[in-house]
Amino acid sequence: ALHKNFTEAEFDFKVWNSYFSLAVLYINQPSLQLENLS
């Protein structure tokens, strides 16, 4: 839905900035950092 509604002519920097910020937060969350587990 983001891709369909917010690309090219309707590109919204704020929407995509939020989306990629969410992706970075997701990737960096401690529960996904397996190297820190036993």
PDB file of all heavy atoms in Angstrom:
ATOM      1  N   ALA A   1       0.836  -1.208   0.000  1.00  0.00           N
ATOM      2  CA  ALA A   1       0.000   0.000   0.000  1.00  0.00           C
ATOM      3  C   ALA A   1       0.867   1.253   0.000  1.00  0.00           C
ATOM      4  O   ALA A   1       0.557   2.226  -0.705  1.00  0.00           O
ATOM      5  CB  ALA A   1      -0.931   0.001   1.206  1.00  0.00           C
ATOM      6  N   LEU A   2       1.945   1.232   0.755  1.00  0.00           N
ATOM      7  CA  LEU A   2       2.865   2.372   0.741  1.00  0.00           C
ATOM      8  C   LEU A   2       3.457   2.557  -0.643  1.00  0.00           C
ATOM      9  O   LEU A   2       3.536   3.675  -1.150  1.00  0.00           O
ATOM     10  CB  LEU A   2       3.995   2.167   1.759  1.00  0.00           C
ATOM     11  CG  LEU A   2       3.661   2.392   3.210  1.00  0.00           C
ATOM     12  CD1 LEU A   2       4.844   2.002   4.083  1.00  0.00           C
ATOM     13  CD2 LEU A   2       3.297   3.835   3.446  1.00  0.00           C
ATOM     14  N   HIS A   3       3.888   1.464  -1.230  1.00  0.00           N
ATOM     15  CA  HIS A   3       4.498   1.540  -2.557  1.00  0.00           C
ATOM     16  C   HIS A   3       3.505   2.058  -3.590  1.00  0.00           C
ATOM     17  O   HIS A   3       3.839   2.906  -4.426  1.00  0.00           O
ATOM     18  CB  HIS A   3       5.031   0.161  -2.965  1.00  0.00           C
ATOM     19  CG  HIS A   3       5.818   0.194  -4.221  1.00  0.00           C
ATOM     20  ND1 HIS A   3       5.257  -0.070  -5.447  1.00  0.00           N
ATOM     21  CD2 HIS A   3       7.114   0.492  -4.451  1.00  0.00           C
ATOM     22  CE1 HIS A   3       6.171   0.056  -6.378  1.00  0.00           C
ATOM     23  NE2 HIS A   3       7.316   0.390  -5.811  1.00  0.00           N
ATOM     24  N   LYS A   4       2.289   1.560  -3.526  1.00  0.00           N
ATOM     25  CA  LYS A   4       1.272   1.966  -4.494  1.00  0.00           C
ATOM     26  C   LYS A   4       0.879   3.435  -4.351  1.00  0.00           C
ATOM     27  O   LYS A   4       0.696   4.142  -5.335  1.00  0.00           O
ATOM     28  CB  LYS A   4       0.037   1.082  -4.320  1.00  0.00           C
ATOM     29  CG  LYS A   4      -1.103   1.419  -5.245  1.00  0.00           C
ATOM     30  CD  LYS A   4      -2.296   0.515  -4.979  1.00  0.00           C
ATOM     31  CE  LYS A   4      -3.477   0.945  -5.824  1.00  0.00           C
ATOM     32  NZ  LYS A   4      -4.678   0.185  -5.488  1.00  0.00           N
ATOM     33  N   ASN A   5       0.758   3.908  -3.116  1.00  0.00           N
ATOM     34  CA  ASN A   5       0.199   5.240  -2.876  1.00  0.00           C
ATOM     35  C   ASN A   5       1.226   6.348  -2.651  1.00  0.00           C
ATOM     36  O   ASN A   5       0.856   7.525  -2.672  1.00  0.00           O
ATOM     37  CB  ASN A   5      -0.749   5.195  -1.677  1.00  0.00           C
ATOM     38  CG  ASN A   5      -1.950   4.322  -1.948  1.00  0.00           C
ATOM     39  OD1 ASN A   5      -2.606   4.464  -2.971  1.00  0.00           O
ATOM     40  ND2 ASN A   5      -2.220   3.405  -1.048  1.00  0.00           N
ATOM     41  N   PHE A   6       2.489   5.992  -2.404  1.00  0.00           N
ATOM     42  CA  PHE A   6       3.458   7.026  -2.054  1.00  0.00           C
ATOM     43  C   PHE A   6       4.753   6.939  -2.846  1.00  0.00           C
ATOM     44  O   PHE A   6       5.832   7.188  -2.325  1.00  0.00           O
ATOM     45  CB  PHE A   6       3.764   6.976  -0.554  1.00  0.00           C
ATOM     46  CG  PHE A   6       2.587   7.291   0.309  1.00  0.00           C
ATOM     47  CD1 PHE A   6       1.886   6.282   0.952  1.00  0.00           C
ATOM     48  CD2 PHE A   6       2.171   8.599   0.477  1.00  0.00           C
ATOM     49  CE1 PHE A   6       0.796   6.575   1.748  1.00  0.00           C
ATOM     50  CE2 PHE A   6       1.086   8.908   1.269  1.00  0.00           C
ATOM     51  CZ  PHE A   6       0.392   7.885   1.898  1.00  0.00           C
ATOM     52  N   THR A   7       4.673   6.563  -4.110  1.00  0.00           N
ATOM     53  CA  THR A   7       5.861   6.559  -4.963  1.00  0.00           C
ATOM     54  C   THR A   7       5.644   7.501  -6.137  1.00  0.00           C
ATOM     55  O   THR A   7       4.544   7.927  -6.431  1.00  0.00           O
ATOM     56  CB  THR A   7       6.161   5.146  -5.492  1.00  0.00           C
ATOM     57  OG1 THR A   7       5.015   4.642  -6.144  1.00  0.00           O
ATOM     58  CG2 THR A   7       6.581   4.213  -4.379  1.00  0.00           C
ATOM     59  N   GLU A   8       6.735   7.812  -6.769  1.00  0.00           N
ATOM     60  CA  GLU A   8       6.766   8.659  -7.962  1.00  0.00           C
ATOM     61  C   GLU A   8       6.004   9.962  -7.793  1.00  0.00           C
ATOM     62  O   GLU A   8       6.430  10.817  -7.050  1.00  0.00           O
ATOM     63  CB  GLU A   8       6.312   7.852  -9.170  1.00  0.00           C
ATOM     64  CG  GLU A   8       7.222   6.660  -9.392  1.00  0.00           C
ATOM     65  CD  GLU A   8       7.014   6.002 -10.713  1.00  0.00           C
ATOM     66  OE1 GLU A   8       6.488   6.638 -11.621  1.00  0.00           O
ATOM     67  OE2 GLU A   8       7.423   4.846 -10.828  1.00  0.00           O
ATOM     68  N   ALA A   9       4.869  10.130  -8.449  1.00  0.00           N
ATOM     69  CA  ALA A   9       4.167  11.427  -8.425  1.00  0.00           C
ATOM     70  C   ALA A   9       3.697  11.797  -7.017  1.00  0.00           C
ATOM     71  O   ALA A   9       3.649  12.965  -6.653  1.00  0.00           O
ATOM     72  CB  ALA A   9       2.973  11.404  -9.373  1.00  0.00           C
ATOM     73  N   GLU A  10       3.364  10.796  -6.232  1.00  0.00           N
ATOM     74  CA  GLU A  10       2.861  11.060  -4.884  1.00  0.00           C
ATOM     75  C   GLU A  10       3.939  10.802  -3.821  1.00  0.00           C
ATOM     76  O   GLU A  10       3.609  10.526  -2.682  1.00  0.00           O
ATOM     77  CB  GLU A  10       1.640  10.169  -4.605  1.00  0.00           C
ATOM     78  CG  GLU A  10       0.473  10.412  -5.524  1.00  0.00           C
ATOM     79  CD  GLU A  10      -0.136  11.802  -5.330  1.00  0.00           C
ATOM     80  OE1 GLU A  10      -0.206  12.271  -4.190  1.00  0.00           O
ATOM     81  OE2 GLU A  10      -0.523  12.400  -6.348  1.00  0.00           O
ATOM     82  N   PHE A  11       5.197  10.883  -4.216  1.00  0.00           N
ATOM     83  CA  PHE A  11       6.280  10.592  -3.274  1.00  0.00           C
ATOM     84  C   PHE A  11       6.191  11.515  -2.061  1.00  0.00           C
ATOM     85  O   PHE A  11       6.106  12.727  -2.192  1.00  0.00           O
ATOM     86  CB  PHE A  11       7.639  10.761  -3.952  1.00  0.00           C
ATOM     87  CG  PHE A  11       8.785  10.368  -3.064  1.00  0.00           C
ATOM     88  CD1 PHE A  11       9.139   9.045  -2.954  1.00  0.00           C
ATOM     89  CD2 PHE A  11       9.474  11.318  -2.332  1.00  0.00           C
ATOM     90  CE1 PHE A  11      10.197   8.663  -2.141  1.00  0.00           C
ATOM     91  CE2 PHE A  11      10.521  10.955  -1.510  1.00  0.00           C
ATOM     92  CZ  PHE A  11      10.880   9.619  -1.418  1.00  0.00           C
ATOM     93  N   ASP A  12       6.175  10.908  -0.898  1.00  0.00           N
ATOM     94  CA  ASP A  12       6.099  11.666   0.353  1.00  0.00           C
ATOM     95  C   ASP A  12       7.312  11.297   1.204  1.00  0.00           C
ATOM     96  O   ASP A  12       7.380  10.207   1.769  1.00  0.00           O
ATOM     97  CB  ASP A  12       4.796  11.332   1.080  1.00  0.00           C
ATOM     98  CG  ASP A  12       4.575  12.190   2.311  1.00  0.00           C
ATOM     99  OD1 ASP A  12       5.545  12.798   2.808  1.00  0.00           O
ATOM    100  OD2 ASP A  12       3.427  12.244   2.778  1.00  0.00           O
ATOM    101  N   PHE A  13       8.271  12.220   1.271  1.00  0.00           N
ATOM    102  CA  PHE A  13       9.512  11.956   1.998  1.00  0.00           C
ATOM    103  C   PHE A  13       9.251  11.570   3.440  1.00  0.00           C
ATOM    104  O   PHE A  13       9.877  10.645   3.970  1.00  0.00           O
ATOM    105  CB  PHE A  13      10.421  13.187   1.940  1.00  0.00           C
ATOM    106  CG  PHE A  13      11.688  13.000   2.720  1.00  0.00           C
ATOM    107  CD1 PHE A  13      12.751  12.282   2.186  1.00  0.00           C
ATOM    108  CD2 PHE A  13      11.817  13.521   3.994  1.00  0.00           C
ATOM    109  CE1 PHE A  13      13.909  12.101   2.901  1.00  0.00           C
ATOM    110  CE2 PHE A  13      12.978  13.344   4.726  1.00  0.00           C
ATOM    111  CZ  PHE A  13      14.024  12.628   4.176  1.00  0.00           C
ATOM    112  N   LYS A  14       8.328  12.226   4.100  1.00  0.00           N
ATOM    113  CA  LYS A  14       8.068  11.956   5.515  1.00  0.00           C
ATOM    114  C   LYS A  14       7.580  10.520   5.732  1.00  0.00           C
ATOM    115  O   LYS A  14       8.005   9.853   6.678  1.00  0.00           O
ATOM    116  CB  LYS A  14       7.049  12.961   6.049  1.00  0.00           C
ATOM    117  CG  LYS A  14       6.887  12.928   7.536  1.00  0.00           C
ATOM    118  CD  LYS A  14       6.001  14.061   8.015  1.00  0.00           C
ATOM    119  CE  LYS A  14       5.883  14.035   9.529  1.00  0.00           C
ATOM    120  NZ  LYS A  14       5.026  15.094  10.034  1.00  0.00           N
ATOM    121  N   VAL A  15       6.711  10.048   4.862  1.00  0.00           N
ATOM    122  CA  VAL A  15       6.205   8.681   4.977  1.00  0.00           C
ATOM    123  C   VAL A  15       7.343   7.678   4.821  1.00  0.00           C
ATOM    124  O   VAL A  15       7.498   6.753   5.621  1.00  0.00           O
ATOM    125  CB  VAL A  15       5.099   8.406   3.938  1.00  0.00           C
ATOM    126  CG1 VAL A  15       4.752   6.925   3.872  1.00  0.00           C
ATOM    127  CG2 VAL A  15       3.863   9.225   4.247  1.00  0.00           C
ATOM    128  N   TRP A  16       8.155   7.859   3.776  1.00  0.00           N
ATOM    129  CA  TRP A  16       9.240   6.920   3.531  1.00  0.00           C
ATOM    130  C   TRP A  16      10.338   7.026   4.585  1.00  0.00           C
ATOM    131  O   TRP A  16      10.947   6.011   4.960  1.00  0.00           O
ATOM    132  CB  TRP A  16       9.806   7.108   2.124  1.00  0.00           C
ATOM    133  CG  TRP A  16       8.851   6.563   1.112  1.00  0.00           C
ATOM    134  CD1 TRP A  16       8.044   7.271   0.277  1.00  0.00           C
ATOM    135  CD2 TRP A  16       8.559   5.191   0.873  1.00  0.00           C
ATOM    136  NE1 TRP A  16       7.283   6.429  -0.477  1.00  0.00           N
ATOM    137  CE2 TRP A  16       7.566   5.138  -0.136  1.00  0.00           C
ATOM    138  CE3 TRP A  16       9.025   3.992   1.406  1.00  0.00           C
ATOM    139  CZ2 TRP A  16       7.061   3.938  -0.611  1.00  0.00           C
ATOM    140  CZ3 TRP A  16       8.509   2.798   0.924  1.00  0.00           C
ATOM    141  CH2 TRP A  16       7.535   2.775  -0.067  1.00  0.00           C
ATOM    142  N   ASN A  17      10.585   8.208   5.096  1.00  0.00           N
ATOM    143  CA  ASN A  17      11.555   8.366   6.172  1.00  0.00           C
ATOM    144  C   ASN A  17      11.093   7.598   7.411  1.00  0.00           C
ATOM    145  O   ASN A  17      11.886   6.905   8.054  1.00  0.00           O
ATOM    146  CB  ASN A  17      11.752   9.847   6.491  1.00  0.00           C
ATOM    147  CG  ASN A  17      12.892  10.068   7.449  1.00  0.00           C
ATOM    148  OD1 ASN A  17      13.969   9.514   7.290  1.00  0.00           O
ATOM    149  ND2 ASN A  17      12.651  10.887   8.460  1.00  0.00           N
ATOM    150  N   SER A  18       9.824   7.686   7.726  1.00  0.00           N
ATOM    151  CA  SER A  18       9.270   6.950   8.866  1.00  0.00           C
ATOM    152  C   SER A  18       9.360   5.443   8.634  1.00  0.00           C
ATOM    153  O   SER A  18       9.696   4.681   9.543  1.00  0.00           O
ATOM    154  CB  SER A  18       7.820   7.353   9.109  1.00  0.00           C
ATOM    155  OG  SER A  18       7.740   8.695   9.479  1.00  0.00           O
ATOM    156  N   TYR A  19       9.058   5.014   7.423  1.00  0.00           N
ATOM    157  CA  TYR A  19       9.098   3.592   7.089  1.00  0.00           C
ATOM    158  C   TYR A  19      10.512   3.029   7.262  1.00  0.00           C
ATOM    159  O   TYR A  19      10.709   1.979   7.875  1.00  0.00           O
ATOM    160  CB  TYR A  19       8.608   3.393   5.659  1.00  0.00           C
ATOM    161  CG  TYR A  19       8.582   1.962   5.193  1.00  0.00           C
ATOM    162  CD1 TYR A  19       7.570   1.106   5.593  1.00  0.00           C
ATOM    163  CD2 TYR A  19       9.569   1.477   4.351  1.00  0.00           C
ATOM    164  CE1 TYR A  19       7.536  -0.213   5.153  1.00  0.00           C
ATOM    165  CE2 TYR A  19       9.544   0.161   3.909  1.00  0.00           C
ATOM    166  CZ  TYR A  19       8.530  -0.672   4.319  1.00  0.00           C
ATOM    167  OH  TYR A  19       8.514  -1.967   3.888  1.00  0.00           O
ATOM    168  N   PHE A  20      11.504   3.732   6.747  1.00  0.00           N
ATOM    169  CA  PHE A  20      12.875   3.240   6.859  1.00  0.00           C
ATOM    170  C   PHE A  20      13.428   3.393   8.278  1.00  0.00           C
ATOM    171  O   PHE A  20      14.242   2.580   8.718  1.00  0.00           O
ATOM    172  CB  PHE A  20      13.775   3.888   5.811  1.00  0.00           C
ATOM    173  CG  PHE A  20      13.513   3.353   4.438  1.00  0.00           C
ATOM    174  CD1 PHE A  20      12.941   4.154   3.469  1.00  0.00           C
ATOM    175  CD2 PHE A  20      13.802   2.040   4.118  1.00  0.00           C
ATOM    176  CE1 PHE A  20      12.667   3.655   2.207  1.00  0.00           C
ATOM    177  CE2 PHE A  20      13.531   1.525   2.860  1.00  0.00           C
ATOM    178  CZ  PHE A  20      12.965   2.340   1.897  1.00  0.00           C
ATOM    179  N   SER A  21      12.969   4.388   9.012  1.00  0.00           N
ATOM    180  CA  SER A  21      13.351   4.497  10.429  1.00  0.00           C
ATOM    181  C   SER A  21      12.819   3.300  11.204  1.00  0.00           C
ATOM    182  O   SER A  21      13.501   2.748  12.069  1.00  0.00           O
ATOM    183  CB  SER A  21      12.820   5.790  11.030  1.00  0.00           C
ATOM    184  OG  SER A  21      13.454   6.899  10.450  1.00  0.00           O
ATOM    185  N   LEU A  22      11.595   2.895  10.894  1.00  0.00           N
ATOM    186  CA  LEU A  22      11.016   1.707  11.510  1.00  0.00           C
ATOM    187  C   LEU A  22      11.835   0.469  11.169  1.00  0.00           C
ATOM    188  O   LEU A  22      12.103  -0.366  12.036  1.00  0.00           O
ATOM    189  CB  LEU A  22       9.568   1.522  11.047  1.00  0.00           C
ATOM    190  CG  LEU A  22       8.860   0.256  11.512  1.00  0.00           C
ATOM    191  CD1 LEU A  22       8.652   0.293  13.022  1.00  0.00           C
ATOM    192  CD2 LEU A  22       7.528   0.108  10.809  1.00  0.00           C
ATOM    193  N   ALA A  23      12.265   0.367   9.923  1.00  0.00           N
ATOM    194  CA  ALA A  23      13.083  -0.780   9.509  1.00  0.00           C
ATOM    195  C   ALA A  23      14.396  -0.835  10.286  1.00  0.00           C
ATOM    196  O   ALA A  23      14.814  -1.902  10.739  1.00  0.00           O
ATOM    197  CB  ALA A  23      13.355  -0.713   8.010  1.00  0.00           C
ATOM    198  N   VAL A  24      15.027   0.298  10.476  1.00  0.00           N
ATOM    199  CA  VAL A  24      16.292   0.337  11.219  1.00  0.00           C
ATOM    200  C   VAL A  24      16.062  -0.036  12.682  1.00  0.00           C
ATOM    201  O   VAL A  24      16.830  -0.807  13.262  1.00  0.00           O
ATOM    202  CB  VAL A  24      16.959   1.730  11.090  1.00  0.00           C
ATOM    203  CG1 VAL A  24      18.117   1.866  12.040  1.00  0.00           C
ATOM    204  CG2 VAL A  24      17.402   1.960   9.657  1.00  0.00           C
ATOM    205  N   LEU A  25      15.005   0.479  13.282  1.00  0.00           N
ATOM    206  CA  LEU A  25      14.677   0.109  14.656  1.00  0.00           C
ATOM    207  C   LEU A  25      14.421  -1.390  14.772  1.00  0.00           C
ATOM    208  O   LEU A  25      14.857  -2.037  15.720  1.00  0.00           O
ATOM    209  CB  LEU A  25      13.444   0.879  15.148  1.00  0.00           C
ATOM    210  CG  LEU A  25      13.646   2.317  15.550  1.00  0.00           C
ATOM    211  CD1 LEU A  25      12.297   2.982  15.838  1.00  0.00           C
ATOM    212  CD2 LEU A  25      14.535   2.419  16.773  1.00  0.00           C
ATOM    213  N   TYR A  26      13.716  -1.930  13.816  1.00  0.00           N
ATOM    214  CA  TYR A  26      13.404  -3.358  13.826  1.00  0.00           C
ATOM    215  C   TYR A  26      14.677  -4.202  13.765  1.00  0.00           C
ATOM    216  O   TYR A  26      14.867  -5.120  14.552  1.00  0.00           O
ATOM    217  CB  TYR A  26      12.479  -3.713  12.658  1.00  0.00           C
ATOM    218  CG  TYR A  26      12.111  -5.165  12.633  1.00  0.00           C
ATOM    219  CD1 TYR A  26      11.075  -5.639  13.418  1.00  0.00           C
ATOM    220  CD2 TYR A  26      12.809  -6.073  11.836  1.00  0.00           C
ATOM    221  CE1 TYR A  26      10.732  -6.986  13.413  1.00  0.00           C
ATOM    222  CE2 TYR A  26      12.475  -7.412  11.830  1.00  0.00           C
ATOM    223  CZ  TYR A  26      11.448  -7.863  12.616  1.00  0.00           C
ATOM    224  OH  TYR A  26      11.134  -9.190  12.613  1.00  0.00           O
ATOM    225  N   ILE A  27      15.532  -3.883  12.833  1.00  0.00           N
ATOM    226  CA  ILE A  27      16.761  -4.665  12.648  1.00  0.00           C
ATOM    227  C   ILE A  27      17.673  -4.590  13.871  1.00  0.00           C
ATOM    228  O   ILE A  27      18.332  -5.560  14.217  1.00  0.00           O
ATOM    229  CB  ILE A  27      17.507  -4.182  11.384  1.00  0.00           C
ATOM    230  CG1 ILE A  27      16.714  -4.565  10.150  1.00  0.00           C
ATOM    231  CG2 ILE A  27      18.915  -4.749  11.319  1.00  0.00           C
ATOM    232  CD1 ILE A  27      17.206  -3.915   8.877  1.00  0.00           C
ATOM    233  N   ASN A  28      17.692  -3.441  14.529  1.00  0.00           N
ATOM    234  CA  ASN A  28      18.612  -3.234  15.638  1.00  0.00           C
ATOM    235  C   ASN A  28      18.052  -3.595  17.008  1.00  0.00           C
ATOM    236  O   ASN A  28      18.722  -3.397  18.008  1.00  0.00           O
ATOM    237  CB  ASN A  28      19.080  -1.781  15.658  1.00  0.00           C
ATOM    238  CG  ASN A  28      20.018  -1.491  14.522  1.00  0.00           C
ATOM    239  OD1 ASN A  28      20.890  -2.284  14.205  1.00  0.00           O
ATOM    240  ND2 ASN A  28      19.824  -0.366  13.883  1.00  0.00           N
ATOM    241  N   GLN A  29      16.842  -4.132  17.072  1.00  0.00           N
ATOM    242  CA  GLN A  29      16.284  -4.439  18.384  1.00  0.00           C
ATOM    243  C   GLN A  29      17.064  -5.578  19.043  1.00  0.00           C
ATOM    244  O   GLN A  29      17.494  -6.526  18.387  1.00  0.00           O
ATOM    245  CB  GLN A  29      14.798  -4.729  18.294  1.00  0.00           C
ATOM    246  CG  GLN A  29      14.430  -5.942  17.487  1.00  0.00           C
ATOM    247  CD  GLN A  29      12.945  -6.121  17.423  1.00  0.00           C
ATOM    248  OE1 GLN A  29      12.261  -5.988  18.412  1.00  0.00           O
ATOM    249  NE2 GLN A  29      12.450  -6.418  16.246  1.00  0.00           N
ATOM    250  N   PRO A  30      17.272  -5.482  20.344  1.00  0.00           N
ATOM    251  CA  PRO A  30      18.092  -6.464  21.062  1.00  0.00           C
ATOM    252  C   PRO A  30      17.611  -7.908  20.946  1.00  0.00           C
ATOM    253  O   PRO A  30      18.423  -8.823  20.910  1.00  0.00           O
ATOM    254  CB  PRO A  30      18.022  -5.983  22.513  1.00  0.00           C
ATOM    255  CG  PRO A  30      17.722  -4.529  22.426  1.00  0.00           C
ATOM    256  CD  PRO A  30      16.864  -4.373  21.205  1.00  0.00           C
ATOM    257  N   SER A  31      16.320  -8.123  20.854  1.00  0.00           N
ATOM    258  CA  SER A  31      15.819  -9.506  20.804  1.00  0.00           C
ATOM    259  C   SER A  31      16.212 -10.220  19.514  1.00  0.00           C
ATOM    260  O   SER A  31      16.158 -11.453  19.452  1.00  0.00           O
ATOM    261  CB  SER A  31      14.302  -9.532  20.978  1.00  0.00           C
ATOM    262  OG  SER A  31      13.663  -8.835  19.947  1.00  0.00           O
ATOM    263  N   LEU A  32      16.615  -9.490  18.482  1.00  0.00           N
ATOM    264  CA  LEU A  32      17.047 -10.116  17.236  1.00  0.00           C
ATOM    265  C   LEU A  32      18.565 -10.265  17.137  1.00  0.00           C
ATOM    266  O   LEU A  32      19.075 -10.797  16.155  1.00  0.00           O
ATOM    267  CB  LEU A  32      16.539  -9.311  16.038  1.00  0.00           C
ATOM    268  CG  LEU A  32      15.026  -9.261  15.861  1.00  0.00           C
ATOM    269  CD1 LEU A  32      14.672  -8.410  14.649  1.00  0.00           C
ATOM    270  CD2 LEU A  32      14.433 -10.647  15.744  1.00  0.00           C
ATOM    271  N   GLN A  33      19.264  -9.824  18.124  1.00  0.00           N
ATOM    272  CA  GLN A  33      20.721  -9.883  18.124  1.00  0.00           C
ATOM    273  C   GLN A  33      21.159 -11.217  18.735  1.00  0.00           C
ATOM    274  O   GLN A  33      21.466 -11.309  19.913  1.00  0.00           O
ATOM    275  CB  GLN A  33      21.284  -8.705  18.897  1.00  0.00           C
ATOM    276  CG  GLN A  33      20.635  -7.402  18.520  1.00  0.00           C
ATOM    277  CD  GLN A  33      21.584  -6.431  17.911  1.00  0.00           C
ATOM    278  OE1 GLN A  33      22.763  -6.454  18.188  1.00  0.00           O
ATOM    279  NE2 GLN A  33      21.064  -5.568  17.075  1.00  0.00           N
ATOM    280  N   LEU A  34      21.170 -12.245  17.907  1.00  0.00           N
ATOM    281  CA  LEU A  34      21.444 -13.595  18.382  1.00  0.00           C
ATOM    282  C   LEU A  34      22.842 -13.750  18.973  1.00  0.00           C
ATOM    283  O   LEU A  34      23.062 -14.606  19.822  1.00  0.00           O
ATOM    284  CB  LEU A  34      21.234 -14.604  17.259  1.00  0.00           C
ATOM    285  CG  LEU A  34      19.819 -14.687  16.696  1.00  0.00           C
ATOM    286  CD1 LEU A  34      19.745 -15.751  15.615  1.00  0.00           C
ATOM    287  CD2 LEU A  34      18.801 -14.938  17.775  1.00  0.00           C
ATOM    288  N   GLU A  35      23.759 -12.932  18.549  1.00  0.00           N
ATOM    289  CA  GLU A  35      25.133 -13.055  19.069  1.00  0.00           C
ATOM    290  C   GLU A  35      25.214 -12.727  20.556  1.00  0.00           C
ATOM    291  O   GLU A  35      26.190 -13.088  21.222  1.00  0.00           O
ATOM    292  CB  GLU A  35      26.112 -12.181  18.278  1.00  0.00           C
ATOM    293  CG  GLU A  35      25.839 -10.701  18.346  1.00  0.00           C
ATOM    294  CD  GLU A  35      24.873 -10.204  17.291  1.00  0.00           C
ATOM    295  OE1 GLU A  35      24.295 -10.995  16.557  1.00  0.00           O
ATOM    296  OE2 GLU A  35      24.703  -8.980  17.224  1.00  0.00           O
ATOM    297  N   ASN A  36      24.193 -12.085  21.110  1.00  0.00           N
ATOM    298  CA  ASN A  36      24.183 -11.753  22.530  1.00  0.00           C
ATOM    299  C   ASN A  36      23.527 -12.830  23.385  1.00  0.00           C
ATOM    300  O   ASN A  36      23.485 -12.702  24.607  1.00  0.00           O
ATOM    301  CB  ASN A  36      23.458 -10.419  22.762  1.00  0.00           C
ATOM    302  CG  ASN A  36      24.192  -9.267  22.120  1.00  0.00           C
ATOM    303  OD1 ASN A  36      25.408  -9.299  21.965  1.00  0.00           O
ATOM    304  ND2 ASN A  36      23.465  -8.248  21.721  1.00  0.00           N
ATOM    305  N   LEU A  37      23.029 -13.882  22.775  1.00  0.00           N
ATOM    306  CA  LEU A  37      22.386 -14.967  23.514  1.00  0.00           C
ATOM    307  C   LEU A  37      23.391 -16.072  23.816  1.00  0.00           C
ATOM    308  O   LEU A  37      24.445 -16.176  23.178  1.00  0.00           O
ATOM    309  CB  LEU A  37      21.240 -15.551  22.691  1.00  0.00           C
ATOM    310  CG  LEU A  37      20.100 -14.604  22.328  1.00  0.00           C
ATOM    311  CD1 LEU A  37      19.088 -15.326  21.442  1.00  0.00           C
ATOM    312  CD2 LEU A  37      19.429 -14.063  23.568  1.00  0.00           C
ATOM    313  N   SER A  38      23.030 -16.906  24.756  1.00  0.00           N
ATOM    314  CA  SER A  38      23.882 -18.056  25.055  1.00  0.00           C
ATOM    315  C   SER A  38      23.844 -19.008  23.856  1.00  0.00           C
ATOM    316  O   SER A  38      22.877 -19.015  23.084  1.00  0.00           O
ATOM    317  CB  SER A  38      23.379 -18.774  26.306  1.00  0.00           C
ATOM    318  OG  SER A  38      22.137 -19.400  26.040  1.00  0.00           O
TER     319      SER A  38
END
